[in-house]
């Protein structure tokens, strides 16, 4: 999944010469929090609604006339950030998410050969995550704990897709961090994964439906109740 398929292509922008009042009006009218600052099609900065609000004197420290004069005279170029972290349409969404997280920012302007073609926000990434996991469809979520070695994931997939003919709507294997165990998060197009759980148990896997809780991290753990929301299958590995 690439940024180009998840970015917002209709980007509302301002120039460095726009007033704070102009920029605030655009942000509030369009219900957006980030405004790229452009010179033609070239990105020259970024300003957020928070930057714009902080550029005006506090309401309790300024008269109405002073506040109005400030936001109508101060320019976006005086408050914008000029060092802007960007991505391209070909950037994988997980790399874009890493950029947002590591730099503690809320958006990435998307450039194609230095031309602004879109913007990717936290909301865009959350929507992509929902689609990636199929959370808007009736699915079953399983977590499968397995030895961290070649062939184990293929074995799990074979049980689900070939032996039980259940379609896998989503599959993620988070990095194991060098641990001897790995975990597969599987979204199944089935509302009753019980037969698959039983089959994986017979092969020696620990399965959580919908998750492996902390108290089931070892093979010796046992279920605490029998409800689907907490059903767990302990096995001996």
Protein backbone atom coordinates (compact mmCIF):
# COMPACT_ATOMS: atom_id res chain seq x y z
CA UNK A 1 0.00 0.00 0.00
CA UNK A 2 1.56 3.26 -1.17
CA UNK A 3 0.99 6.84 -0.06
CA UNK A 4 -0.35 7.80 -3.49
CA UNK A 5 -3.43 5.63 -2.98
CA UNK A 6 -4.18 6.99 0.51
CA UNK A 7 -3.22 10.68 0.35
CA UNK A 8 -5.72 13.51 -0.01
CA UNK A 9 -5.19 14.92 -3.50
CA UNK A 10 -7.29 18.04 -3.02
CA UNK A 11 -4.95 20.19 -0.97
CA UNK A 12 -5.93 23.58 0.44
CA UNK A 13 -2.91 25.85 0.49
CA UNK A 14 -1.86 29.38 1.36
CA UNK A 15 1.02 31.62 0.36
CA UNK A 16 3.52 33.29 2.63
CA UNK A 17 1.75 36.61 1.93
CA UNK A 18 -1.62 35.45 3.22
CA UNK A 19 -2.63 36.99 6.53
CA UNK A 20 -3.17 34.94 9.67
CA UNK A 21 -6.86 35.81 9.39
CA UNK A 22 -7.00 34.44 5.82
CA UNK A 23 -5.30 31.19 6.82
CA UNK A 24 -7.50 30.71 9.89
CA UNK A 25 -10.59 31.27 7.76
CA UNK A 26 -9.50 28.57 5.28
CA UNK A 27 -8.57 26.08 8.01
CA UNK A 28 -11.85 26.50 9.86
CA UNK A 29 -14.06 26.61 6.78
CA UNK A 30 -12.51 23.44 5.36
CA UNK A 31 -12.14 21.79 8.79
CA UNK A 32 -8.46 21.07 8.34
CA UNK A 33 -5.49 21.48 10.68
CA UNK A 34 -2.58 21.72 8.23
CA UNK A 35 -1.96 24.20 5.43
CA UNK A 36 0.99 23.79 3.08
CA UNK A 37 2.51 27.11 2.09
CA UNK A 38 3.32 27.34 -1.61
CA UNK A 39 4.96 29.58 -4.15
CA UNK A 40 3.19 28.49 -7.32
CA UNK A 41 3.39 24.69 -7.18
CA UNK A 42 6.55 24.71 -5.07
CA UNK A 43 6.28 23.93 -1.35
CA UNK A 44 8.00 26.57 0.78
CA UNK A 45 6.59 25.86 4.23
CA UNK A 46 3.82 24.50 6.41
CA UNK A 47 1.55 26.09 8.97
CA UNK A 48 -0.94 24.47 11.35
CA UNK A 49 -4.09 25.89 12.86
CA UNK A 50 -2.32 25.75 16.21
CA UNK A 51 0.54 27.89 14.85
CA UNK A 52 -2.00 30.40 13.59
CA UNK A 53 -3.85 30.58 16.89
CA UNK A 54 -0.61 31.02 18.85
CA UNK A 55 0.44 33.84 16.52
CA UNK A 56 -2.39 35.99 17.82
CA UNK A 57 -2.28 37.60 21.29
CA UNK A 58 -4.24 35.74 24.00
CA UNK A 59 -7.90 36.68 24.20
CA UNK A 60 -7.57 37.78 27.84
CA UNK A 61 -4.50 39.93 27.09
CA UNK A 62 -5.74 41.84 24.08
CA UNK A 63 -8.67 44.01 23.20
CA UNK A 64 -10.89 43.05 20.30
CA UNK A 65 -9.33 45.70 18.12
CA UNK A 66 -5.78 44.58 18.97
CA UNK A 67 -6.59 40.95 18.23
CA UNK A 68 -8.25 41.88 14.94
CA UNK A 69 -5.35 44.10 13.88
CA UNK A 70 -2.80 41.41 14.67
CA UNK A 71 -4.39 38.59 12.70
CA UNK A 72 -5.11 40.93 9.78
CA UNK A 73 -1.59 42.31 9.59
CA UNK A 74 0.69 39.39 10.49
CA UNK A 75 1.60 37.15 7.54
CA UNK A 76 1.77 33.38 7.24
CA UNK A 77 5.43 33.69 6.24
CA UNK A 78 6.19 35.00 9.75
CA UNK A 79 4.90 31.89 11.53
CA UNK A 80 5.28 29.01 9.06
CA UNK A 81 7.77 26.17 9.41
CA UNK A 82 10.23 26.16 6.53
CA UNK A 83 11.91 22.80 7.22
CA UNK A 84 9.16 20.43 6.13
CA UNK A 85 9.31 16.63 6.15
CA UNK A 86 7.71 15.26 3.00
CA UNK A 87 7.07 11.99 1.18
CA UNK A 88 6.38 10.93 -2.39
CA UNK A 89 3.36 9.08 -3.84
CA UNK A 90 5.58 5.96 -4.10
CA UNK A 91 6.43 5.93 -0.39
CA UNK A 92 4.98 2.85 1.43
CA UNK A 93 2.41 3.85 4.04
CA UNK A 94 4.36 2.14 6.82
CA UNK A 95 7.35 4.37 6.07
CA UNK A 96 5.09 7.41 6.09
CA UNK A 97 3.67 6.34 9.46
CA UNK A 98 7.21 5.98 10.79
CA UNK A 99 8.04 9.53 9.65
CA UNK A 100 4.97 10.91 11.42
CA UNK A 101 5.71 8.97 14.59
CA UNK A 102 9.44 9.64 14.84
CA UNK A 103 9.13 13.34 14.04
CA UNK A 104 5.94 13.88 16.08
CA UNK A 105 4.13 15.59 13.24
CA UNK A 106 0.55 15.38 12.05
CA UNK A 107 0.93 15.39 8.28
CA UNK A 108 3.24 14.86 5.32
CA UNK A 109 2.99 17.02 2.21
CA UNK A 110 3.37 14.72 -0.81
CA UNK A 111 5.73 15.88 -3.54
CA UNK A 112 6.18 14.52 -7.06
CA UNK A 113 9.37 16.00 -8.55
CA UNK A 114 9.14 18.99 -6.17
CA UNK A 115 5.50 19.62 -7.12
CA UNK A 116 2.88 19.43 -4.36
CA UNK A 117 0.40 16.72 -5.34
CA UNK A 118 -1.26 15.78 -2.06
CA UNK A 119 -1.14 15.59 1.70
CA UNK A 120 -1.17 12.58 4.04
CA UNK A 121 -2.55 13.11 7.53
CA UNK A 122 -2.92 10.96 10.63
CA UNK A 123 -6.57 10.47 9.68
CA UNK A 124 -5.58 9.14 6.25
CA UNK A 125 -3.25 6.61 7.89
CA UNK A 126 -5.91 5.50 10.37
CA UNK A 127 -8.34 4.94 7.50
CA UNK A 128 -5.67 2.90 5.69
CA UNK A 129 -5.14 0.82 8.85
CA UNK A 130 -8.88 0.11 9.10
CA UNK A 131 -8.94 -1.01 5.47
CA UNK A 132 -5.76 -3.05 5.88
CA UNK A 133 -7.27 -5.03 8.77
CA UNK A 134 -10.74 -5.18 7.23
CA UNK A 135 -12.18 -3.78 10.45
CA UNK A 136 -15.27 -2.49 8.61
CA UNK A 137 -16.29 -6.04 7.57
CA UNK A 138 -17.60 -8.97 9.68
CA UNK A 139 -14.40 -10.94 10.20
CA UNK A 140 -12.72 -13.05 12.84
CA UNK A 141 -9.38 -11.96 14.24
CA UNK A 142 -6.88 -14.55 15.40
CA UNK A 143 -3.41 -14.28 16.85
CA UNK A 144 -1.19 -17.31 16.31
CA UNK A 145 2.00 -17.80 18.31
CA UNK A 146 4.57 -19.88 16.47
CA UNK A 147 8.30 -20.67 16.49
CA UNK A 148 10.30 -17.96 14.74
CA UNK A 149 11.68 -20.09 11.93
CA UNK A 150 11.24 -20.51 8.21
CA UNK A 151 8.13 -22.35 7.06
CA UNK A 152 5.93 -21.83 10.12
CA UNK A 153 3.85 -19.02 8.61
CA UNK A 154 3.34 -21.00 5.40
CA UNK A 155 2.14 -23.91 7.53
CA UNK A 156 -0.45 -21.73 9.27
CA UNK A 157 -1.64 -20.24 5.97
CA UNK A 158 -1.98 -23.70 4.46
CA UNK A 159 -4.22 -24.85 7.31
CA UNK A 160 -6.48 -21.83 6.87
CA UNK A 161 -6.60 -21.36 3.11
CA UNK A 162 -6.07 -24.82 1.65
CA UNK A 163 -7.28 -27.28 4.25
CA UNK A 164 -10.26 -25.24 5.51
CA UNK A 165 -10.78 -23.07 2.40
CA UNK A 166 -11.21 -19.89 4.42
CA UNK A 167 -10.06 -16.67 2.79
CA UNK A 168 -7.49 -14.58 4.67
CA UNK A 169 -8.60 -10.95 4.50
CA UNK A 170 -5.54 -9.59 6.28
CA UNK A 171 -2.24 -10.92 7.62
CA UNK A 172 0.48 -9.15 9.59
CA UNK A 173 3.54 -10.59 11.31
CA UNK A 174 5.10 -7.92 13.57
CA UNK A 175 8.90 -8.04 13.94
CA UNK A 176 9.87 -10.57 16.60
CA UNK A 177 12.82 -8.56 17.90
CA UNK A 178 15.06 -11.60 17.91
CA UNK A 179 12.73 -13.64 20.13
CA UNK A 180 12.40 -17.39 19.46
CA UNK A 181 8.64 -16.88 18.96
CA UNK A 182 6.74 -14.81 16.44
CA UNK A 183 3.08 -13.84 16.23
CA UNK A 184 0.79 -13.72 13.20
CA UNK A 185 -2.29 -11.50 13.30
CA UNK A 186 -4.82 -13.02 10.92
CA UNK A 187 -8.16 -11.64 9.73
CA UNK A 188 -10.45 -14.40 8.47
CA UNK A 189 -13.53 -14.09 6.29
CA UNK A 190 -15.42 -16.29 8.68
CA UNK A 191 -17.45 -15.55 11.80
CA UNK A 192 -16.69 -18.95 13.31
CA UNK A 193 -12.95 -19.74 13.37
CA UNK A 194 -13.36 -22.64 15.82
CA UNK A 195 -12.43 -25.39 13.31
CA UNK A 196 -9.27 -23.51 12.35
CA UNK A 197 -8.35 -22.96 15.99
CA UNK A 198 -8.74 -26.68 16.65
CA UNK A 199 -6.63 -27.58 13.61
CA UNK A 200 -3.85 -25.19 14.56
CA UNK A 201 -3.94 -26.54 18.11
CA UNK A 202 -3.35 -30.05 16.85
CA UNK A 203 -0.26 -28.80 15.04
CA UNK A 204 1.11 -27.34 18.26
CA UNK A 205 0.30 -23.64 17.91
CA UNK A 206 -1.10 -21.32 20.57
CA UNK A 207 -4.08 -19.38 19.24
CA UNK A 208 -5.93 -16.38 20.66
CA UNK A 209 -9.40 -15.30 19.59
CA UNK A 210 -9.29 -12.35 19.15
CA UNK A 211 -5.88 -11.97 20.83
CA UNK A 212 -3.17 -13.61 22.87
CA UNK A 213 -3.37 -11.90 26.25
CA UNK A 214 -0.34 -11.41 28.48
CA UNK A 215 -1.41 -14.30 30.69
CA UNK A 216 -1.36 -16.67 27.69
CA UNK A 217 2.15 -15.83 26.58
CA UNK A 218 3.50 -19.22 27.63
CA UNK A 219 2.35 -22.60 26.32
CA UNK A 220 1.38 -23.71 29.82
CA UNK A 221 -1.34 -21.05 30.17
CA UNK A 222 -4.99 -22.08 30.36
CA UNK A 223 -8.24 -20.27 29.44
CA UNK A 224 -9.97 -18.22 32.16
CA UNK A 225 -13.41 -18.39 30.59
CA UNK A 226 -15.13 -19.78 27.51
CA UNK A 227 -16.53 -16.61 25.93
CA UNK A 228 -15.53 -15.93 22.30
CA UNK A 229 -13.99 -12.59 23.27
CA UNK A 230 -11.47 -14.34 25.56
CA UNK A 231 -11.26 -17.84 24.10
CA UNK A 232 -7.69 -19.12 24.02
CA UNK A 233 -6.19 -22.43 22.93
CA UNK A 234 -3.18 -23.48 25.06
CA UNK A 235 -0.91 -26.08 23.55
CA UNK A 236 2.38 -27.78 24.25
CA UNK A 237 5.10 -26.63 21.88
